[in-house]
């Protein structure tokens, strides 16, 4: 995945918001410096910085939305715009 931010689909964003509102403990696999990282935590907020969208976990981790590979077993590769 390139470093340039790739917009995620509205459907995917809605799913993430639903997980945050329902306080669902989420298992997230994402890319960080070309390494796959797996974390389990609650999504507590979202932010936009320099036209890039991030989710924020309860533990303070910020994950760029287009770097998410899987969330709760759902492959996100077909959910990108």
Protein backbone atom coordinates (compact mmCIF):
# COMPACT_ATOMS: atom_id res chain seq x y z
CA UNK A 1 0.00 0.00 0.00
CA UNK A 2 1.41 3.38 -0.95
CA UNK A 3 2.02 6.11 1.60
CA UNK A 4 -0.46 8.44 -0.13
CA UNK A 5 -3.80 8.31 1.66
CA UNK A 6 -6.46 6.27 -0.13
CA UNK A 7 -10.01 7.31 0.73
CA UNK A 8 -12.05 4.54 2.35
CA UNK A 9 -15.62 3.80 1.34
CA UNK A 10 -18.50 5.46 3.17
CA UNK A 11 -19.83 2.00 4.04
CA UNK A 12 -16.54 1.06 5.75
CA UNK A 13 -16.48 4.36 7.66
CA UNK A 14 -20.08 3.77 8.78
CA UNK A 15 -19.12 0.30 10.02
CA UNK A 16 -16.25 1.77 12.04
CA UNK A 17 -18.53 4.41 13.54
CA UNK A 18 -21.05 1.73 14.50
CA UNK A 19 -18.32 -0.25 16.30
CA UNK A 20 -17.33 2.91 18.20
CA UNK A 21 -20.91 3.85 19.18
CA UNK A 22 -21.74 0.29 20.28
CA UNK A 23 -18.43 0.05 22.17
CA UNK A 24 -17.54 -3.23 20.45
CA UNK A 25 -14.15 -4.65 21.40
CA UNK A 26 -12.49 -4.87 17.99
CA UNK A 27 -9.65 -7.01 16.70
CA UNK A 28 -7.80 -4.85 14.16
CA UNK A 29 -4.96 -5.84 11.83
CA UNK A 30 -3.22 -2.94 10.14
CA UNK A 31 0.02 -1.98 8.40
CA UNK A 32 2.64 0.11 10.15
CA UNK A 33 5.97 0.59 8.37
CA UNK A 34 5.18 -2.44 6.18
CA UNK A 35 4.67 -4.65 9.26
CA UNK A 36 1.31 -6.20 10.11
CA UNK A 37 0.23 -5.21 13.61
CA UNK A 38 -2.67 -6.82 15.46
CA UNK A 39 -4.42 -5.05 18.31
CA UNK A 40 -7.64 -5.60 20.25
CA UNK A 41 -9.24 -2.50 21.73
CA UNK A 42 -12.22 -0.14 21.63
CA UNK A 43 -12.53 2.57 18.98
CA UNK A 44 -13.18 5.79 20.90
CA UNK A 45 -12.84 8.57 18.33
CA UNK A 46 -11.94 9.62 14.78
CA UNK A 47 -9.87 12.51 13.52
CA UNK A 48 -8.72 14.01 10.25
CA UNK A 49 -5.20 15.36 9.91
CA UNK A 50 -3.73 16.66 6.64
CA UNK A 51 -6.70 15.17 4.74
CA UNK A 52 -5.98 11.71 6.21
CA UNK A 53 -8.56 9.94 8.39
CA UNK A 54 -7.59 8.11 11.58
CA UNK A 55 -9.39 6.10 14.22
CA UNK A 56 -8.26 6.41 17.81
CA UNK A 57 -8.27 3.45 20.16
CA UNK A 58 -8.88 3.55 23.90
CA UNK A 59 -5.15 2.87 24.48
CA UNK A 60 -4.30 6.02 22.46
CA UNK A 61 -3.15 4.26 19.28
CA UNK A 62 -4.03 6.16 16.10
CA UNK A 63 -4.54 4.08 12.96
CA UNK A 64 -4.87 5.57 9.49
CA UNK A 65 -8.07 4.12 8.04
CA UNK A 66 -6.54 3.03 4.73
CA UNK A 67 -3.89 1.00 6.60
CA UNK A 68 -6.50 -1.32 8.15
CA UNK A 69 -6.29 -4.81 6.65
CA UNK A 70 -8.91 -6.60 8.77
CA UNK A 71 -11.32 -5.66 11.49
CA UNK A 72 -13.21 -8.31 13.43
CA UNK A 73 -12.37 -10.88 10.75
CA UNK A 74 -13.63 -8.74 7.85
CA UNK A 75 -11.12 -8.20 5.04
CA UNK A 76 -11.17 -4.49 4.18
CA UNK A 77 -9.36 -4.71 0.83
CA UNK A 78 -12.63 -4.60 -1.12
CA UNK A 79 -14.01 -1.73 0.97
CA UNK A 80 -11.59 0.93 -0.28
CA UNK A 81 -12.72 3.56 -2.79
